Amino acid sequence: MDNNIGTSLILLNSLKGVSYFEKTKKLLEYKETSFDTILTGNVALYKPLDLPQIDRKCFFYDLDKNGFDFVVQKYFPLNNNSKKNQSLKIRIKKK
């Protein structure tokens, strides 16, 4: 399963989740593992991420009314002025 592009993680936190997984697991390549082994690469499971607080009600209103692309731009914009993004643009243009 280690293909150097990461492995998805599925946590089954409810009976409904277990039910969905049971219905789809024949289509997946998976390996059952203990919770302790996944903590190192998944900091968000035990520590809040340093993200700005988002008004949940507004977020879901915008998502329903305007769609996924809209909420990505509104709530998670890329900083287009950063040196990292500028250098990426330059590198793409050169290619």
C-alpha atoms as a PDB file:
ATOM      1  CA  MET A   1       0.000   0.000   0.000  1.00  0.00           C
ATOM      2  CA  ASP A   2       3.017   2.293   0.267  1.00  0.00           C
ATOM      3  CA  ASN A   3       3.141   3.931  -3.155  1.00  0.00           C
ATOM      4  CA  ASN A   4       4.830   7.161  -2.018  1.00  0.00           C
ATOM      5  CA  ILE A   5       1.710   9.267  -2.601  1.00  0.00           C
ATOM      6  CA  GLY A   6       0.056   8.676   0.734  1.00  0.00           C
ATOM      7  CA  THR A   7      -2.562   6.305   2.003  1.00  0.00           C
ATOM      8  CA  SER A   8      -6.088   7.316   2.826  1.00  0.00           C
ATOM      9  CA  LEU A   9      -7.369   6.692   6.308  1.00  0.00           C
ATOM     10  CA  ILE A  10     -10.866   5.553   7.124  1.00  0.00           C
ATOM     11  CA  LEU A  11     -12.069   5.898  10.701  1.00  0.00           C
ATOM     12  CA  LEU A  12     -15.275   4.074  11.529  1.00  0.00           C
ATOM     13  CA  ASN A  13     -16.837   6.085  14.337  1.00  0.00           C
ATOM     14  CA  SER A  14     -20.425   4.857  14.211  1.00  0.00           C
ATOM     15  CA  LEU A  15     -22.545   1.871  13.289  1.00  0.00           C
ATOM     16  CA  LYS A  16     -23.647   3.766  10.180  1.00  0.00           C
ATOM     17  CA  GLY A  17     -19.990   4.192   9.167  1.00  0.00           C
ATOM     18  CA  VAL A  18     -19.308   0.501   9.741  1.00  0.00           C
ATOM     19  CA  SER A  19     -22.353  -0.343   7.619  1.00  0.00           C
ATOM     20  CA  TYR A  20     -21.175   1.834   4.701  1.00  0.00           C
ATOM     21  CA  PHE A  21     -17.677   0.399   4.925  1.00  0.00           C
ATOM     22  CA  GLU A  22     -18.975  -3.178   4.918  1.00  0.00           C
ATOM     23  CA  LYS A  23     -20.932  -2.423   1.737  1.00  0.00           C
ATOM     24  CA  THR A  24     -17.916  -0.969  -0.091  1.00  0.00           C
ATOM     25  CA  LYS A  25     -14.870  -2.766   1.286  1.00  0.00           C
ATOM     26  CA  LYS A  26     -14.872  -5.354  -1.502  1.00  0.00           C
ATOM     27  CA  LEU A  27     -14.016  -2.474  -3.878  1.00  0.00           C
ATOM     28  CA  LEU A  28     -11.092  -1.273  -1.745  1.00  0.00           C
ATOM     29  CA  GLU A  29      -7.624  -2.410  -0.914  1.00  0.00           C
ATOM     30  CA  TYR A  30      -7.381  -1.910   2.828  1.00  0.00           C
ATOM     31  CA  LYS A  31      -5.500  -2.982   5.898  1.00  0.00           C
ATOM     32  CA  GLU A  32      -6.990  -2.911   9.374  1.00  0.00           C
ATOM     33  CA  THR A  33      -4.671  -1.315  11.928  1.00  0.00           C
ATOM     34  CA  SER A  34      -4.758  -0.083  15.511  1.00  0.00           C
ATOM     35  CA  PHE A  35      -5.578   3.534  16.296  1.00  0.00           C
ATOM     36  CA  ASP A  36      -2.191   4.128  17.948  1.00  0.00           C
ATOM     37  CA  THR A  37      -0.318   3.471  14.701  1.00  0.00           C
ATOM     38  CA  ILE A  38      -2.071   6.297  12.812  1.00  0.00           C
ATOM     39  CA  LEU A  39      -1.533   9.136  15.294  1.00  0.00           C
ATOM     40  CA  THR A  40       1.919  10.189  14.066  1.00  0.00           C
ATOM     41  CA  GLY A  41       0.751  11.216  10.606  1.00  0.00           C
ATOM     42  CA  ASN A  42      -2.636  12.587  11.642  1.00  0.00           C
ATOM     43  CA  VAL A  43      -2.071  15.410  14.110  1.00  0.00           C
ATOM     44  CA  ALA A  44      -5.614  16.745  13.627  1.00  0.00           C
ATOM     45  CA  LEU A  45      -6.969  13.696  15.454  1.00  0.00           C
ATOM     46  CA  TYR A  46      -5.645  14.944  18.793  1.00  0.00           C
ATOM     47  CA  LYS A  47      -4.752  18.636  18.294  1.00  0.00           C
ATOM     48  CA  PRO A  48      -6.785  21.450  16.721  1.00  0.00           C
ATOM     49  CA  LEU A  49      -5.393  22.791  13.455  1.00  0.00           C
ATOM     50  CA  ASP A  50      -4.273  26.413  13.340  1.00  0.00           C
ATOM     51  CA  LEU A  51      -7.051  27.525  11.017  1.00  0.00           C
ATOM     52  CA  PRO A  52      -9.258  30.587  11.295  1.00  0.00           C
ATOM     53  CA  GLN A  53     -12.612  29.947  12.917  1.00  0.00           C
ATOM     54  CA  ILE A  54     -15.436  29.644  10.401  1.00  0.00           C
ATOM     55  CA  ASP A  55     -19.085  30.373  11.067  1.00  0.00           C
ATOM     56  CA  ARG A  56     -20.518  26.904  10.450  1.00  0.00           C
ATOM     57  CA  LYS A  57     -24.025  28.144   9.655  1.00  0.00           C
ATOM     58  CA  CYS A  58     -22.724  30.624   7.037  1.00  0.00           C
ATOM     59  CA  PHE A  59     -20.358  28.023   5.588  1.00  0.00           C
ATOM     60  CA  PHE A  60     -23.124  25.493   4.935  1.00  0.00           C
ATOM     61  CA  TYR A  61     -25.484  28.203   3.671  1.00  0.00           C
ATOM     62  CA  ASP A  62     -22.836  29.294   1.160  1.00  0.00           C
ATOM     63  CA  LEU A  63     -22.141  25.676   0.227  1.00  0.00           C
ATOM     64  CA  ASP A  64     -25.830  24.958  -0.446  1.00  0.00           C
ATOM     65  CA  LYS A  65     -26.452  28.226  -2.290  1.00  0.00           C
ATOM     66  CA  ASN A  66     -23.187  28.705  -4.200  1.00  0.00           C
ATOM     67  CA  GLY A  67     -21.431  25.345  -4.384  1.00  0.00           C
ATOM     68  CA  PHE A  68     -18.088  23.833  -3.469  1.00  0.00           C
ATOM     69  CA  ASP A  69     -15.810  26.037  -5.602  1.00  0.00           C
ATOM     70  CA  PHE A  70     -17.321  29.159  -4.047  1.00  0.00           C
ATOM     71  CA  VAL A  71     -16.701  28.060  -0.453  1.00  0.00           C
ATOM     72  CA  VAL A  72     -13.140  27.011  -1.268  1.00  0.00           C
ATOM     73  CA  GLN A  73     -12.408  30.492  -2.630  1.00  0.00           C
ATOM     74  CA  LYS A  74     -14.224  32.278   0.199  1.00  0.00           C
ATOM     75  CA  TYR A  75     -13.089  30.275   3.225  1.00  0.00           C
ATOM     76  CA  PHE A  76      -9.762  28.806   2.081  1.00  0.00           C
ATOM     77  CA  PRO A  77      -8.247  31.307  -0.372  1.00  0.00           C
ATOM     78  CA  LEU A  78      -4.719  30.877  -1.632  1.00  0.00           C
ATOM     79  CA  ASN A  79      -2.406  33.757  -0.849  1.00  0.00           C
ATOM     80  CA  ASN A  80      -1.615  34.858  -4.406  1.00  0.00           C
ATOM     81  CA  ASN A  81       0.974  37.366  -3.198  1.00  0.00           C
ATOM     82  CA  SER A  82       3.264  34.860  -1.529  1.00  0.00           C
ATOM     83  CA  LYS A  83       6.742  34.278  -2.922  1.00  0.00           C
ATOM     84  CA  LYS A  84       6.070  30.556  -3.042  1.00  0.00           C
ATOM     85  CA  ASN A  85       3.030  30.995  -5.321  1.00  0.00           C
ATOM     86  CA  GLN A  86       4.836  33.536  -7.482  1.00  0.00           C
ATOM     87  CA  SER A  87       7.798  31.253  -7.991  1.00  0.00           C
ATOM     88  CA  LEU A  88       5.444  28.423  -8.919  1.00  0.00           C
ATOM     89  CA  LYS A  89       3.783  30.644 -11.548  1.00  0.00           C
ATOM     90  CA  ILE A  90       7.159  31.555 -12.956  1.00  0.00           C
ATOM     91  CA  ARG A  91       8.256  27.934 -13.063  1.00  0.00           C
ATOM     92  CA  ILE A  92       5.050  26.915 -14.847  1.00  0.00           C
ATOM     93  CA  LYS A  93       5.489  29.690 -17.423  1.00  0.00           C
ATOM     94  CA  LYS A  94       9.072  28.606 -18.086  1.00  0.00           C
ATOM     95  CA  LYS A  95       7.963  25.031 -18.710  1.00  0.00           C
END
